[in-house]
C-alpha atoms as a PDB file:
ATOM      1  CA  UNK A   1      -5.086  -3.452   9.975  1.00  0.00           C
ATOM      2  CA  UNK A   2      -1.439  -4.084  10.909  1.00  0.00           C
ATOM      3  CA  UNK A   3      -2.211  -5.581  14.237  1.00  0.00           C
ATOM      4  CA  UNK A   4      -4.462  -8.256  12.720  1.00  0.00           C
ATOM      5  CA  UNK A   5      -2.178  -9.504   9.664  1.00  0.00           C
ATOM      6  CA  UNK A   6      -1.683 -13.119   9.268  1.00  0.00           C
ATOM      7  CA  UNK A   7       1.963 -14.170   9.156  1.00  0.00           C
ATOM      8  CA  UNK A   8       4.578 -17.191   9.608  1.00  0.00           C
ATOM      9  CA  UNK A   9       8.138 -17.343   9.903  1.00  0.00           C
ATOM     10  CA  UNK A  10      10.325 -18.334   7.021  1.00  0.00           C
ATOM     11  CA  UNK A  11      12.049 -21.700   7.344  1.00  0.00           C
ATOM     12  CA  UNK A  12      15.041 -20.403   5.349  1.00  0.00           C
ATOM     13  CA  UNK A  13      16.880 -17.121   5.617  1.00  0.00           C
ATOM     14  CA  UNK A  14      16.973 -16.537   9.301  1.00  0.00           C
ATOM     15  CA  UNK A  15      14.114 -14.910  11.349  1.00  0.00           C
ATOM     16  CA  UNK A  16      11.829 -13.486   8.547  1.00  0.00           C
ATOM     17  CA  UNK A  17       8.073 -12.644   8.548  1.00  0.00           C
ATOM     18  CA  UNK A  18       6.083 -13.918   5.599  1.00  0.00           C
ATOM     19  CA  UNK A  19       2.888 -12.332   5.201  1.00  0.00           C
ATOM     20  CA  UNK A  20      -0.169 -14.228   4.023  1.00  0.00           C
ATOM     21  CA  UNK A  21      -0.889 -13.509   0.310  1.00  0.00           C
ATOM     22  CA  UNK A  22      -3.619 -11.183  -0.217  1.00  0.00           C
ATOM     23  CA  UNK A  23      -5.209 -13.873  -2.523  1.00  0.00           C
ATOM     24  CA  UNK A  24      -5.449 -16.153   0.453  1.00  0.00           C
ATOM     25  CA  UNK A  25      -6.502 -13.318   2.574  1.00  0.00           C
ATOM     26  CA  UNK A  26      -9.405 -12.686   0.437  1.00  0.00           C
ATOM     27  CA  UNK A  27     -10.394 -16.212   0.429  1.00  0.00           C
ATOM     28  CA  UNK A  28     -10.507 -16.367   4.053  1.00  0.00           C
ATOM     29  CA  UNK A  29     -12.416 -13.121   4.408  1.00  0.00           C
ATOM     30  CA  UNK A  30      -9.538 -11.150   5.572  1.00  0.00           C
ATOM     31  CA  UNK A  31      -9.839  -7.299   4.022  1.00  0.00           C
ATOM     32  CA  UNK A  32      -6.713  -6.107   2.109  1.00  0.00           C
ATOM     33  CA  UNK A  33      -4.310  -4.245   4.171  1.00  0.00           C
ATOM     34  CA  UNK A  34      -4.397  -1.450   1.885  1.00  0.00           C
ATOM     35  CA  UNK A  35      -3.582   1.120   4.505  1.00  0.00           C
ATOM     36  CA  UNK A  36      -0.697  -0.697   6.207  1.00  0.00           C
ATOM     37  CA  UNK A  37       0.869  -1.663   3.035  1.00  0.00           C
ATOM     38  CA  UNK A  38       2.771   1.723   2.285  1.00  0.00           C
ATOM     39  CA  UNK A  39       3.639   1.996   5.880  1.00  0.00           C
ATOM     40  CA  UNK A  40       5.733  -1.371   5.470  1.00  0.00           C
ATOM     41  CA  UNK A  41       7.555  -0.227   2.230  1.00  0.00           C
ATOM     42  CA  UNK A  42      10.748   1.349   4.201  1.00  0.00           C
ATOM     43  CA  UNK A  43      11.076  -2.290   5.755  1.00  0.00           C
ATOM     44  CA  UNK A  44      11.245  -3.918   2.516  1.00  0.00           C
ATOM     45  CA  UNK A  45      14.396  -6.231   2.074  1.00  0.00           C
ATOM     46  CA  UNK A  46      16.294  -6.542  -1.113  1.00  0.00           C
ATOM     47  CA  UNK A  47      13.615  -4.712  -3.021  1.00  0.00           C
ATOM     48  CA  UNK A  48      14.568  -2.401  -5.641  1.00  0.00           C
ATOM     49  CA  UNK A  49      11.165  -1.456  -6.887  1.00  0.00           C
ATOM     50  CA  UNK A  50       7.586  -1.999  -6.032  1.00  0.00           C
ATOM     51  CA  UNK A  51       4.662  -2.331  -8.730  1.00  0.00           C
ATOM     52  CA  UNK A  52       1.264  -1.390  -7.985  1.00  0.00           C
ATOM     53  CA  UNK A  53      -1.641  -3.778  -8.215  1.00  0.00           C
ATOM     54  CA  UNK A  54      -3.594  -3.495 -11.386  1.00  0.00           C
ATOM     55  CA  UNK A  55      -6.298  -1.112 -10.815  1.00  0.00           C
ATOM     56  CA  UNK A  56      -4.955   0.414  -7.771  1.00  0.00           C
ATOM     57  CA  UNK A  57      -6.309   3.840  -7.068  1.00  0.00           C
ATOM     58  CA  UNK A  58      -9.372   3.489  -9.218  1.00  0.00           C
ATOM     59  CA  UNK A  59     -12.617   4.798  -7.529  1.00  0.00           C
ATOM     60  CA  UNK A  60     -10.733   7.749  -6.103  1.00  0.00           C
ATOM     61  CA  UNK A  61     -12.219  11.121  -6.252  1.00  0.00           C
ATOM     62  CA  UNK A  62     -10.210  12.676  -9.042  1.00  0.00           C
ATOM     63  CA  UNK A  63     -12.438  15.972  -8.637  1.00  0.00           C
ATOM     64  CA  UNK A  64     -11.120  16.788  -5.229  1.00  0.00           C
ATOM     65  CA  UNK A  65      -7.616  16.199  -6.491  1.00  0.00           C
ATOM     66  CA  UNK A  66      -7.922  18.540  -9.470  1.00  0.00           C
ATOM     67  CA  UNK A  67      -9.382  21.046  -7.423  1.00  0.00           C
ATOM     68  CA  UNK A  68      -6.816  20.965  -4.971  1.00  0.00           C
ATOM     69  CA  UNK A  69      -4.232  21.120  -7.666  1.00  0.00           C
ATOM     70  CA  UNK A  70      -6.052  24.314  -9.294  1.00  0.00           C
ATOM     71  CA  UNK A  71      -5.897  25.902  -5.576  1.00  0.00           C
ATOM     72  CA  UNK A  72      -2.328  25.134  -5.306  1.00  0.00           C
ATOM     73  CA  UNK A  73      -1.441  26.668  -8.728  1.00  0.00           C
ATOM     74  CA  UNK A  74      -3.522  29.879  -7.809  1.00  0.00           C
ATOM     75  CA  UNK A  75      -1.567  30.247  -4.634  1.00  0.00           C
ATOM     76  CA  UNK A  76       1.661  29.716  -6.006  1.00  0.00           C
ATOM     77  CA  UNK A  77       1.246  31.524  -9.335  1.00  0.00           C
ATOM     78  CA  UNK A  78       3.594  34.303  -8.552  1.00  0.00           C
ATOM     79  CA  UNK A  79       6.353  32.008  -7.244  1.00  0.00           C
END
C-alpha cells in the first residue's frame, strides 16, 4: 500500500508531501490505505490528536477479541 500512494509536494511550507485525499482516491478506484495509515502516525507533523474515521473498525470479529481477552484473564488471574 505504501509504495503506491498518490502524492504531490506542497507549494508552501518547504518540502512536504501531500497525500491525495481518500475521497479522491476512492473516485479514481484506488483502495483505501488502511494498513499503511497507522504506520505513518509517528511522522505526523503538528498533530495533537487523530480522529478515527466514522465507522472504523466495524466488521471486525469481536468474538475472537472476546476469546483472547477471556484467555488472558484466565492466564493472569493469579497476578
